[in-house]
Amino acid sequence: MKYVLDVSVALSWVIPRPLTAMAVRLRDEYQQQLYEVIAPAHFPQEVANALTKAERQKLVPIGDARKLIQDVLNAAPVLHSVDPLFYRAVDISSQTRSAFYDCLYIALGEREGCELVTADDKLVRDLQTRFPFIIHLSQLP
C-alpha cells in the first residue's frame, strides 16, 4: 500500500489536533514499513512555512518551529520531484480553482495511482468528488 501524505497530516504529528492519534499511528506504521508514504519535493518547505506560521498564530511557542520541523522530517515521506507534476498541477488548479501546492499532491496521487491522505477538511469537501482517491485522515482503517 502506498499513500501520498499531505502536510496537514504531518503537522498533526507535532501540533495536538483532534486527529493526532490517527496521524501518529500512520507515521508509526510507515516507520515500521507497513506501507510507503510519498509527497512532492516541496514538502519540507511547506512544513517549515506551516510551523513558522503556527508560531505567529501562537499555536506553538516562538522558537519551537525549528525542532518541530526536524521532528517531522525525521519521518518524512519519500519525496518526488515536482517537475513531472508541474503542468498537471497547473491544470488541476485552473480547473478547480484550488491552491497550486495542494494540486501537486493531487497530481502525485493521480500519477502514482494511490490515495492522498489529508486532514484538510476543505480539500476533501471541495475536491474528493472529482478526485475520489483523496481521503480524509479519519477515513483510514
C-alpha atoms as a PDB file:
ATOM      1  CA  MET A   1       0.000   0.000   0.000  1.00  0.00           C
ATOM      2  CA  LYS A   2       1.196   3.490  -0.833  1.00  0.00           C
ATOM      3  CA  TYR A   3      -0.160   6.872   0.285  1.00  0.00           C
ATOM      4  CA  VAL A   4       0.553  10.459  -0.691  1.00  0.00           C
ATOM      5  CA  LEU A   5       0.865  12.353   2.573  1.00  0.00           C
ATOM      6  CA  ASP A   6      -0.441  15.900   2.804  1.00  0.00           C
ATOM      7  CA  VAL A   7       1.365  18.326   5.123  1.00  0.00           C
ATOM      8  CA  SER A   8      -1.784  18.697   7.214  1.00  0.00           C
ATOM      9  CA  VAL A   9      -1.307  15.111   8.421  1.00  0.00           C
ATOM     10  CA  ALA A  10       2.386  15.604   9.201  1.00  0.00           C
ATOM     11  CA  LEU A  11       1.589  18.747  11.194  1.00  0.00           C
ATOM     12  CA  SER A  12      -0.720  16.644  13.347  1.00  0.00           C
ATOM     13  CA  TRP A  13       2.355  14.659  14.432  1.00  0.00           C
ATOM     14  CA  VAL A  14       3.730  17.697  16.248  1.00  0.00           C
ATOM     15  CA  ILE A  15       0.768  20.011  16.922  1.00  0.00           C
ATOM     16  CA  PRO A  16      -2.020  18.464  19.008  1.00  0.00           C
ATOM     17  CA  ARG A  17      -5.211  18.249  16.988  1.00  0.00           C
ATOM     18  CA  PRO A  18      -8.346  16.084  17.147  1.00  0.00           C
ATOM     19  CA  LEU A  19      -6.828  13.506  14.765  1.00  0.00           C
ATOM     20  CA  THR A  20      -3.294  13.499  16.193  1.00  0.00           C
ATOM     21  CA  ALA A  21      -3.588   9.894  17.407  1.00  0.00           C
ATOM     22  CA  MET A  22      -4.533   8.707  13.905  1.00  0.00           C
ATOM     23  CA  ALA A  23      -1.756  10.747  12.311  1.00  0.00           C
ATOM     24  CA  VAL A  24       0.822   9.358  14.737  1.00  0.00           C
ATOM     25  CA  ARG A  25      -0.401   5.819  14.074  1.00  0.00           C
ATOM     26  CA  LEU A  26       0.015   6.409  10.324  1.00  0.00           C
ATOM     27  CA  ARG A  27       3.550   7.726  10.897  1.00  0.00           C
ATOM     28  CA  ASP A  28       4.462   4.808  13.162  1.00  0.00           C
ATOM     29  CA  GLU A  29       3.138   2.241  10.688  1.00  0.00           C
ATOM     30  CA  TYR A  30       5.089   3.954   7.911  1.00  0.00           C
ATOM     31  CA  GLN A  31       8.253   3.791  10.012  1.00  0.00           C
ATOM     32  CA  GLN A  32       7.562   0.076  10.559  1.00  0.00           C
ATOM     33  CA  GLN A  33       7.487  -0.189   6.747  1.00  0.00           C
ATOM     34  CA  LEU A  34       3.902  -1.432   6.649  1.00  0.00           C
ATOM     35  CA  TYR A  35       3.418   0.770   3.575  1.00  0.00           C
ATOM     36  CA  GLU A  36       5.019   3.529   1.533  1.00  0.00           C
ATOM     37  CA  VAL A  37       4.398   7.214   2.132  1.00  0.00           C
ATOM     38  CA  ILE A  38       5.316   9.776  -0.540  1.00  0.00           C
ATOM     39  CA  ALA A  39       4.989  13.521  -1.091  1.00  0.00           C
ATOM     40  CA  PRO A  40       6.023  16.177  -3.605  1.00  0.00           C
ATOM     41  CA  ALA A  41       9.558  17.505  -3.120  1.00  0.00           C
ATOM     42  CA  HIS A  42       8.321  20.843  -1.738  1.00  0.00           C
ATOM     43  CA  PHE A  43       7.040  19.044   1.376  1.00  0.00           C
ATOM     44  CA  PRO A  44       9.876  20.254   3.699  1.00  0.00           C
ATOM     45  CA  GLN A  45       9.358  23.879   2.668  1.00  0.00           C
ATOM     46  CA  GLU A  46       5.616  23.579   3.221  1.00  0.00           C
ATOM     47  CA  VAL A  47       6.217  22.057   6.665  1.00  0.00           C
ATOM     48  CA  ALA A  48       8.558  24.931   7.554  1.00  0.00           C
ATOM     49  CA  ASN A  49       6.051  27.507   6.324  1.00  0.00           C
ATOM     50  CA  ALA A  50       3.209  25.952   8.306  1.00  0.00           C
ATOM     51  CA  LEU A  51       5.202  25.627  11.520  1.00  0.00           C
ATOM     52  CA  THR A  52       6.594  29.162  11.455  1.00  0.00           C
ATOM     53  CA  LYS A  53       3.030  30.319  10.783  1.00  0.00           C
ATOM     54  CA  ALA A  54       1.924  28.253  13.807  1.00  0.00           C
ATOM     55  CA  GLU A  55       4.440  30.232  15.873  1.00  0.00           C
ATOM     56  CA  ARG A  56       2.954  33.520  14.637  1.00  0.00           C
ATOM     57  CA  GLN A  57      -0.526  32.251  15.476  1.00  0.00           C
ATOM     58  CA  LYS A  58       0.722  31.259  18.950  1.00  0.00           C
ATOM     59  CA  LEU A  59      -0.154  27.590  18.372  1.00  0.00           C
ATOM     60  CA  VAL A  60       3.424  26.703  19.284  1.00  0.00           C
ATOM     61  CA  PRO A  61       5.959  28.747  21.262  1.00  0.00           C
ATOM     62  CA  ILE A  62       8.273  31.063  19.325  1.00  0.00           C
ATOM     63  CA  GLY A  63      11.479  29.193  18.585  1.00  0.00           C
ATOM     64  CA  ASP A  64       9.907  25.713  18.585  1.00  0.00           C
ATOM     65  CA  ALA A  65       9.374  25.589  14.830  1.00  0.00           C
ATOM     66  CA  ARG A  66      12.951  24.505  14.118  1.00  0.00           C
ATOM     67  CA  LYS A  67      12.743  21.497  16.451  1.00  0.00           C
ATOM     68  CA  LEU A  68       9.261  20.552  15.241  1.00  0.00           C
ATOM     69  CA  ILE A  69      10.383  20.753  11.609  1.00  0.00           C
ATOM     70  CA  GLN A  70      13.179  18.323  12.424  1.00  0.00           C
ATOM     71  CA  ASP A  71      10.715  16.010  14.184  1.00  0.00           C
ATOM     72  CA  VAL A  72       8.537  15.912  11.061  1.00  0.00           C
ATOM     73  CA  LEU A  73      11.461  15.497   8.695  1.00  0.00           C
ATOM     74  CA  ASN A  74      12.827  12.587  10.737  1.00  0.00           C
ATOM     75  CA  ALA A  75       9.791  10.645   9.499  1.00  0.00           C
ATOM     76  CA  ALA A  76       9.443  12.441   6.163  1.00  0.00           C
ATOM     77  CA  PRO A  77       7.813  10.672   3.240  1.00  0.00           C
ATOM     78  CA  VAL A  78       9.823   9.725   0.186  1.00  0.00           C
ATOM     79  CA  LEU A  79       9.961  12.907  -1.879  1.00  0.00           C
ATOM     80  CA  HIS A  80       9.140  13.028  -5.591  1.00  0.00           C
ATOM     81  CA  SER A  81      10.264  15.742  -7.970  1.00  0.00           C
ATOM     82  CA  VAL A  82       7.594  18.304  -8.768  1.00  0.00           C
ATOM     83  CA  ASP A  83       8.882  18.761 -12.323  1.00  0.00           C
ATOM     84  CA  PRO A  84       6.850  15.900 -13.844  1.00  0.00           C
ATOM     85  CA  LEU A  85       3.799  17.011 -11.820  1.00  0.00           C
ATOM     86  CA  PHE A  86       4.030  20.704 -12.610  1.00  0.00           C
ATOM     87  CA  TYR A  87       1.741  21.105 -15.635  1.00  0.00           C
ATOM     88  CA  ARG A  88      -0.831  18.595 -14.413  1.00  0.00           C
ATOM     89  CA  ALA A  89      -0.977  20.505 -11.116  1.00  0.00           C
ATOM     90  CA  VAL A  90      -1.435  23.759 -13.052  1.00  0.00           C
ATOM     91  CA  ASP A  91      -4.327  22.198 -14.985  1.00  0.00           C
ATOM     92  CA  ILE A  92      -5.973  20.890 -11.820  1.00  0.00           C
ATOM     93  CA  SER A  93      -5.516  24.241 -10.088  1.00  0.00           C
ATOM     94  CA  SER A  94      -7.015  26.139 -13.024  1.00  0.00           C
ATOM     95  CA  GLN A  95      -9.959  23.761 -13.401  1.00  0.00           C
ATOM     96  CA  THR A  96     -10.819  23.536  -9.708  1.00  0.00           C
ATOM     97  CA  ARG A  97      -9.709  26.981  -8.546  1.00  0.00           C
ATOM     98  CA  SER A  98      -7.633  25.257  -5.847  1.00  0.00           C
ATOM     99  CA  ALA A  99      -4.220  26.140  -4.478  1.00  0.00           C
ATOM    100  CA  PHE A 100      -1.422  25.041  -6.781  1.00  0.00           C
ATOM    101  CA  TYR A 101       0.560  23.452  -3.940  1.00  0.00           C
ATOM    102  CA  ASP A 102      -2.435  21.280  -2.984  1.00  0.00           C
ATOM    103  CA  CYS A 103      -2.716  20.275  -6.617  1.00  0.00           C
ATOM    104  CA  LEU A 104       0.855  18.961  -6.622  1.00  0.00           C
ATOM    105  CA  TYR A 105      -0.261  16.375  -4.051  1.00  0.00           C
ATOM    106  CA  ILE A 106      -3.289  15.516  -6.180  1.00  0.00           C
ATOM    107  CA  ALA A 107      -1.164  15.185  -9.325  1.00  0.00           C
ATOM    108  CA  LEU A 108       1.233  12.877  -7.465  1.00  0.00           C
ATOM    109  CA  GLY A 109      -1.595  10.671  -6.197  1.00  0.00           C
ATOM    110  CA  GLU A 110      -3.071  10.545  -9.672  1.00  0.00           C
ATOM    111  CA  ARG A 111       0.261   9.633 -11.257  1.00  0.00           C
ATOM    112  CA  GLU A 112       1.120   7.004  -8.653  1.00  0.00           C
ATOM    113  CA  GLY A 113      -2.400   5.543  -8.547  1.00  0.00           C
ATOM    114  CA  CYS A 114      -2.636   5.823  -4.778  1.00  0.00           C
ATOM    115  CA  GLU A 115      -4.701   7.590  -2.152  1.00  0.00           C
ATOM    116  CA  LEU A 116      -3.894  11.096  -0.943  1.00  0.00           C
ATOM    117  CA  VAL A 117      -4.358  11.264   2.830  1.00  0.00           C
ATOM    118  CA  THR A 118      -5.181  14.684   4.233  1.00  0.00           C
ATOM    119  CA  ALA A 119      -6.534  16.267   7.399  1.00  0.00           C
ATOM    120  CA  ASP A 120      -7.652  19.296   5.360  1.00  0.00           C
ATOM    121  CA  ASP A 121     -11.455  19.288   5.557  1.00  0.00           C
ATOM    122  CA  LYS A 122     -11.775  21.912   2.819  1.00  0.00           C
ATOM    123  CA  LEU A 123      -9.616  19.934   0.393  1.00  0.00           C
ATOM    124  CA  VAL A 124     -11.773  16.856   0.918  1.00  0.00           C
ATOM    125  CA  ARG A 125     -15.019  18.811   0.718  1.00  0.00           C
ATOM    126  CA  ASP A 126     -14.035  20.687  -2.444  1.00  0.00           C
ATOM    127  CA  LEU A 127     -12.188  18.022  -4.415  1.00  0.00           C
ATOM    128  CA  GLN A 128     -12.969  14.488  -3.251  1.00  0.00           C
ATOM    129  CA  THR A 129     -15.925  14.142  -5.628  1.00  0.00           C
ATOM    130  CA  ARG A 130     -13.713  14.940  -8.601  1.00  0.00           C
ATOM    131  CA  PHE A 131     -10.688  13.036  -7.249  1.00  0.00           C
ATOM    132  CA  PRO A 132     -12.071  10.113  -5.217  1.00  0.00           C
ATOM    133  CA  PHE A 133      -8.573   8.969  -4.233  1.00  0.00           C
ATOM    134  CA  ILE A 134      -8.440  11.943  -1.817  1.00  0.00           C
ATOM    135  CA  ILE A 135      -9.316  10.583   1.598  1.00  0.00           C
ATOM    136  CA  HIS A 136      -9.611  12.247   4.959  1.00  0.00           C
ATOM    137  CA  LEU A 137      -7.275  11.004   7.668  1.00  0.00           C
ATOM    138  CA  SER A 138     -10.340   9.986   9.681  1.00  0.00           C
ATOM    139  CA  GLN A 139     -11.318   7.559   6.882  1.00  0.00           C
ATOM    140  CA  LEU A 140      -8.210   5.393   7.279  1.00  0.00           C
ATOM    141  CA  PRO A 141      -8.873   1.926   8.662  1.00  0.00           C
END
